[in-house]
Protein backbone atom coordinates (compact mmCIF):
# COMPACT_ATOMS: atom_id res chain seq x y z
CA MET A 1 -74.11 -20.76 17.20
CA ILE A 2 -75.20 -24.18 16.98
CA ILE A 3 -74.50 -25.98 13.50
CA SER A 4 -76.78 -29.25 12.86
CA VAL A 5 -74.89 -32.23 11.50
CA ILE A 6 -77.36 -34.53 9.44
CA ASN A 7 -75.72 -38.06 8.50
CA HIS A 8 -77.30 -39.03 5.23
CA SER A 9 -74.19 -41.30 4.44
CA ARG A 10 -74.83 -44.89 4.32
CA THR A 11 -71.11 -45.88 4.63
CA ILE A 12 -70.59 -44.16 8.10
CA SER A 13 -72.32 -44.50 11.18
CA ASP A 14 -73.84 -42.08 13.50
CA GLU A 15 -71.33 -43.33 16.17
CA ALA A 16 -68.45 -42.49 14.08
CA VAL A 17 -69.90 -39.19 13.24
CA GLN A 18 -70.29 -38.34 17.26
CA VAL A 19 -66.29 -39.03 17.31
CA VAL A 20 -65.53 -36.66 14.78
CA ILE A 21 -67.96 -34.16 16.07
CA ARG A 22 -66.37 -34.27 19.49
CA ALA A 23 -63.08 -33.52 18.02
CA ILE A 24 -63.97 -30.69 16.04
CA ASN A 25 -65.89 -29.11 18.93
CA ARG A 26 -62.57 -29.22 20.76
CA GLN A 27 -60.86 -27.64 18.17
CA ILE A 28 -63.50 -24.78 17.87
CA SER A 29 -63.28 -24.03 21.85
CA GLN A 30 -59.74 -24.79 22.32
CA ASP A 31 -57.83 -23.84 19.36
CA PHE A 32 -59.92 -21.51 17.01
CA GLU A 33 -62.06 -19.44 19.45
CA PRO A 34 -58.81 -18.18 21.53
CA TYR A 35 -57.77 -16.10 18.27
CA TRP A 36 -61.08 -15.48 16.55
CA SER A 37 -63.10 -14.59 19.66
CA PHE A 38 -66.25 -16.46 18.09
CA GLY A 39 -67.07 -19.93 17.80
CA ALA A 40 -69.98 -22.51 17.63
CA THR A 41 -70.91 -26.23 18.46
CA LEU A 42 -71.65 -28.78 16.37
CA ARG A 43 -74.46 -31.12 17.38
CA LEU A 44 -75.71 -34.63 15.43
CA GLU A 45 -79.15 -34.58 14.76
CA GLY A 46 -81.59 -37.36 12.91
CA ALA A 47 -82.32 -37.02 9.43
CA ILE A 48 -85.79 -36.63 8.26
CA GLY A 49 -86.47 -38.38 5.02
CA GLN A 50 -83.97 -39.87 2.36
CA HIS A 51 -82.79 -36.62 0.89
CA PRO A 52 -81.72 -33.16 2.37
CA SER A 53 -83.71 -30.20 1.45
CA THR A 54 -82.43 -26.59 1.91
CA GLN A 55 -85.70 -25.34 0.97
CA THR A 56 -88.01 -27.00 3.56
CA LEU A 57 -85.54 -26.92 6.48
CA SER A 58 -87.06 -30.14 7.80
CA ASP A 59 -83.89 -31.01 9.30
CA MET A 60 -83.10 -27.59 11.03
CA ARG A 61 -82.63 -27.47 14.79
CA GLY A 62 -79.66 -25.02 14.97
CA ASP A 63 -78.65 -21.99 13.47
CA ALA A 64 -76.83 -23.51 10.54
CA VAL A 65 -76.82 -27.11 9.11
CA LEU A 66 -74.16 -29.30 7.26
CA TYR A 67 -75.10 -32.73 5.44
CA LEU A 68 -72.85 -35.60 5.37
CA LEU A 69 -73.57 -37.22 1.87
CA ASP A 70 -72.30 -40.07 -0.18
CA GLY A 71 -70.86 -39.34 -3.78
CA SER A 72 -69.24 -36.38 -5.20
CA ASN A 73 -71.97 -34.08 -6.38
CA THR A 74 -75.60 -32.53 -5.67
CA LEU A 75 -77.54 -35.29 -7.49
CA SER A 76 -78.07 -36.88 -4.15
CA ALA A 77 -79.54 -33.59 -2.49
CA THR A 78 -82.54 -31.84 -3.32
CA GLY A 79 -83.10 -27.87 -3.46
CA TRP A 80 -79.27 -26.66 -3.86
CA HIS A 81 -79.38 -22.77 -3.84
CA LEU A 82 -77.24 -19.91 -2.84
CA ALA A 83 -79.53 -19.65 -0.02
CA ASN A 84 -82.44 -21.20 1.31
CA TYR A 85 -85.81 -19.06 1.90
CA LYS A 86 -84.72 -18.28 5.43
CA ASP A 87 -81.29 -17.45 4.95
CA ILE A 88 -80.11 -20.30 6.82
CA PRO A 89 -76.47 -21.20 6.46
CA TYR A 90 -75.82 -24.50 5.19
CA GLY A 91 -73.01 -26.62 3.43
CA PHE A 92 -72.31 -30.24 2.45
CA VAL A 93 -69.76 -32.80 2.75
CA PHE A 94 -69.51 -34.91 -0.08
CA LEU A 95 -67.47 -38.20 1.00
CA GLY A 96 -66.91 -39.42 -2.44
CA LEU A 97 -65.28 -36.18 -3.34
CA CYS A 98 -63.15 -36.51 -0.26
CA ALA A 99 -62.08 -39.92 -1.40
CA GLN A 100 -61.24 -38.42 -4.95
CA ILE A 101 -58.67 -35.85 -3.53
CA GLY A 102 -57.20 -38.27 -0.62
CA GLU A 103 -58.85 -36.20 2.29
CA ALA A 104 -60.05 -37.55 5.41
CA TRP A 105 -64.00 -36.74 5.62
CA SER A 106 -63.36 -35.29 9.13
CA THR A 107 -60.99 -32.74 7.75
CA THR A 108 -63.28 -31.69 5.18
CA LEU A 109 -66.04 -31.44 7.86
CA SER A 110 -63.82 -29.38 10.20
CA HIS A 111 -63.12 -27.14 7.19
CA GLU A 112 -66.86 -26.68 6.27
CA ALA A 113 -67.82 -26.00 9.97
CA LEU A 114 -64.89 -23.05 10.25
CA GLU A 115 -65.97 -21.63 7.36
CA LEU A 116 -69.62 -21.53 8.35
CA VAL A 117 -68.45 -19.98 11.74
CA GLY A 118 -66.41 -17.34 10.03
CA ASP A 119 -68.79 -16.19 7.34
CA PRO A 120 -72.42 -17.91 8.01
CA MET A 121 -74.11 -16.09 5.21
CA CYS A 122 -71.60 -16.31 2.67
CA ASN A 123 -71.11 -12.87 1.66
CA LEU A 124 -67.78 -11.44 3.30
CA LEU A 125 -64.92 -10.12 0.96
CA VAL A 126 -61.53 -8.70 2.19
CA GLU A 127 -59.41 -6.45 0.06
CA GLY A 128 -55.90 -7.60 -0.24
CA ASN A 129 -52.89 -8.35 -2.19
CA HIS A 130 -52.97 -10.90 -5.16
CA PRO A 131 -51.56 -14.12 -3.79
CA ILE A 132 -49.10 -14.31 -6.73
CA ASP A 133 -48.74 -10.73 -8.25
CA ARG A 134 -48.67 -8.96 -4.87
CA ARG A 135 -48.72 -5.50 -6.88
CA ARG A 136 -52.52 -6.21 -7.27
CA ARG A 137 -55.24 -5.47 -4.90
CA VAL A 138 -58.17 -7.90 -5.23
CA PHE A 139 -61.02 -9.26 -3.02
CA HIS A 140 -60.78 -12.60 -1.04
CA LEU A 141 -63.48 -14.37 0.27
CA PHE A 142 -63.41 -14.51 4.01
CA GLU A 143 -62.52 -18.19 4.26
CA MET A 144 -60.61 -19.76 7.03
CA CYS A 145 -59.36 -22.78 5.67
CA ASP A 146 -58.72 -22.62 1.56
CA ALA A 147 -55.08 -21.26 2.07
CA VAL A 148 -53.90 -24.04 4.09
CA GLN A 149 -56.49 -26.57 3.09
CA ALA A 150 -54.10 -29.27 2.44
CA GLU A 151 -52.78 -29.26 6.01
CA SER A 152 -54.31 -31.05 8.81
CA TYR A 153 -53.63 -32.21 12.60
CA LEU A 154 -54.83 -34.71 15.00
CA ILE A 155 -57.28 -34.04 17.88
CA ASP A 156 -58.05 -37.39 19.99
CA GLY A 157 -56.98 -39.18 16.69
CA VAL A 158 -59.38 -37.49 14.36
CA GLU A 159 -57.96 -35.40 11.42
CA VAL A 160 -59.06 -31.77 11.30
CA SER A 161 -58.37 -28.70 9.13
CA ASN A 162 -55.48 -26.24 9.66
CA PHE A 163 -56.94 -22.50 9.56
CA VAL A 164 -55.68 -19.03 9.04
CA LEU A 165 -55.61 -16.37 11.87
CA PRO A 166 -56.99 -12.67 11.95
CA SER A 167 -53.28 -11.52 10.66
CA TYR A 168 -53.72 -13.25 7.70
CA PHE A 169 -56.12 -10.74 6.46
CA SER A 170 -54.03 -7.65 6.93
CA LEU A 171 -51.76 -6.00 4.54
CA GLY A 172 -47.92 -6.07 5.00
CA GLU A 173 -45.87 -8.55 7.03
CA GLN A 174 -44.44 -8.30 10.58
CA GLU A 175 -41.68 -10.17 11.91
CA GLY A 176 -42.75 -12.84 14.17
CA ARG A 177 -46.35 -12.88 13.38
CA ARG A 178 -48.41 -15.93 13.00
CA ASN A 179 -50.73 -16.13 10.00
CA ASP A 180 -52.17 -19.70 10.51
CA PHE A 181 -52.70 -21.82 13.49
CA LEU A 182 -49.88 -24.94 12.49
CA GLY A 183 -47.44 -22.23 11.03
CA ARG A 184 -45.62 -24.68 8.95
CA ALA A 185 -42.64 -23.56 6.91
CA TYR A 186 -42.01 -24.45 3.45
CA ASP A 187 -38.26 -23.50 1.99
CA GLY A 188 -37.78 -21.78 5.38
CA LYS A 189 -41.07 -19.51 4.77
CA THR A 190 -44.32 -19.69 6.87
CA LEU A 191 -47.59 -18.39 5.37
CA LYS A 192 -47.85 -14.93 4.04
CA SER A 193 -50.96 -12.41 4.44
CA PHE A 194 -53.42 -13.26 1.47
CA GLY A 195 -51.10 -16.11 0.68
CA MET A 196 -51.20 -19.85 0.00
CA ASN A 197 -49.43 -22.80 1.35
CA PRO A 198 -48.92 -26.08 -0.84
CA GLY A 199 -52.25 -27.66 -1.43
CA GLY A 200 -54.09 -24.75 -1.32
CA TYR A 201 -56.23 -22.62 -3.50
CA LEU A 202 -58.12 -19.37 -3.22
CA ASN A 203 -61.16 -17.62 -4.74
CA ILE A 204 -60.76 -13.81 -5.25
CA PHE A 205 -62.50 -11.17 -7.52
CA ASP A 206 -60.71 -8.92 -9.22
CA PRO A 207 -62.52 -5.46 -9.57
CA LYS A 208 -60.77 -4.34 -12.59
CA SER A 209 -61.37 -7.36 -14.78
CA GLY A 210 -64.73 -8.03 -13.31
CA LYS A 211 -64.12 -11.63 -12.98
CA TRP A 212 -63.57 -14.29 -10.37
CA GLU A 213 -60.14 -16.10 -10.13
CA GLN A 214 -59.17 -19.39 -8.64
CA PRO A 215 -55.13 -19.19 -8.24
CA ALA A 216 -53.58 -22.16 -6.83
CA TYR A 217 -50.01 -22.88 -5.43
CA GLU A 218 -47.61 -22.50 -8.14
CA GLY A 219 -46.65 -25.66 -9.69
CA ASP A 220 -48.54 -27.69 -7.02
CA ALA A 221 -50.15 -30.89 -8.59
CA PRO A 222 -52.45 -31.69 -5.75
CA ALA A 223 -53.70 -28.23 -5.65
CA MET A 224 -54.54 -28.30 -9.01
CA LEU A 225 -56.09 -32.04 -8.92
CA ARG A 226 -58.25 -30.43 -5.42
CA LYS A 227 -59.43 -27.40 -7.69
CA LYS A 228 -60.25 -29.46 -10.64
CA THR A 229 -62.17 -32.24 -8.92
CA LYS A 230 -63.92 -29.90 -6.36
CA SER A 231 -65.01 -27.68 -9.69
CA LYS A 232 -66.88 -30.52 -11.13
CA SER A 233 -69.12 -30.93 -8.04
CA LYS A 234 -70.38 -27.34 -9.06
CA ALA A 235 -71.04 -26.85 -5.16
CA GLY A 236 -69.46 -25.10 -2.52
CA ARG A 237 -69.26 -21.84 -1.27
CA GLY A 238 -66.48 -20.65 -3.53
CA TYR A 239 -68.35 -21.74 -6.56
CA ARG A 240 -71.70 -20.32 -5.38
CA ARG A 241 -70.31 -16.84 -4.99
CA ALA A 242 -68.81 -17.11 -8.27
CA HIS A 243 -71.82 -18.58 -10.08
CA PRO A 244 -74.78 -16.76 -8.38
CA GLY A 245 -78.31 -18.26 -8.67
CA ARG A 246 -77.16 -21.37 -10.30
CA SER A 247 -77.96 -24.85 -8.72
């Protein structure tokens, strides 16, 4: 899978983007793929025109595309849809939004890239426990980073996103099992299956109520800020699934 990266930002150079892409490609090949057995390669491409379009695919040279944009919403982009006319996976990284939530744009790009690799068509759900009320069964989006999205680590001095491992999407707990790459412990406990670490929040669907929910880590102000700020952009994979057909 080739993911084209298109730099429409006026604040970061192509040279800086190349440094980040090199780190994320190392992350995918050396950290992510050994656990998941599938991967991808990011490749910087030249932009055609001043604004990206998910309809014409004029920038498309691979299997998926990620756009880097200044600002914090889709006003600087044209043609935002749930899927484009040829079912090509795509995503946006808003540098202004990254600044608002205090997250390095390289971490966000890593996050989006891993999620494109895991669920290119943005249509997979996994049945599991509710992250707060473990007695409830709900459907989780098949996302690689949401549960641990406040956590990052360095590759060649570049911040990249933590991600969950396959066992995260399994029922029950087993002694010694790792559910995320970093395995950070909070109050002596590591990430539970279908759970969240501080700073994370999830998108889940309750089949009984027929509604989408976005539970956040209990009492976590950064998680609530991240959830509130991202929701204002009316963009992203979770928003698109919970609001199909909206632009």
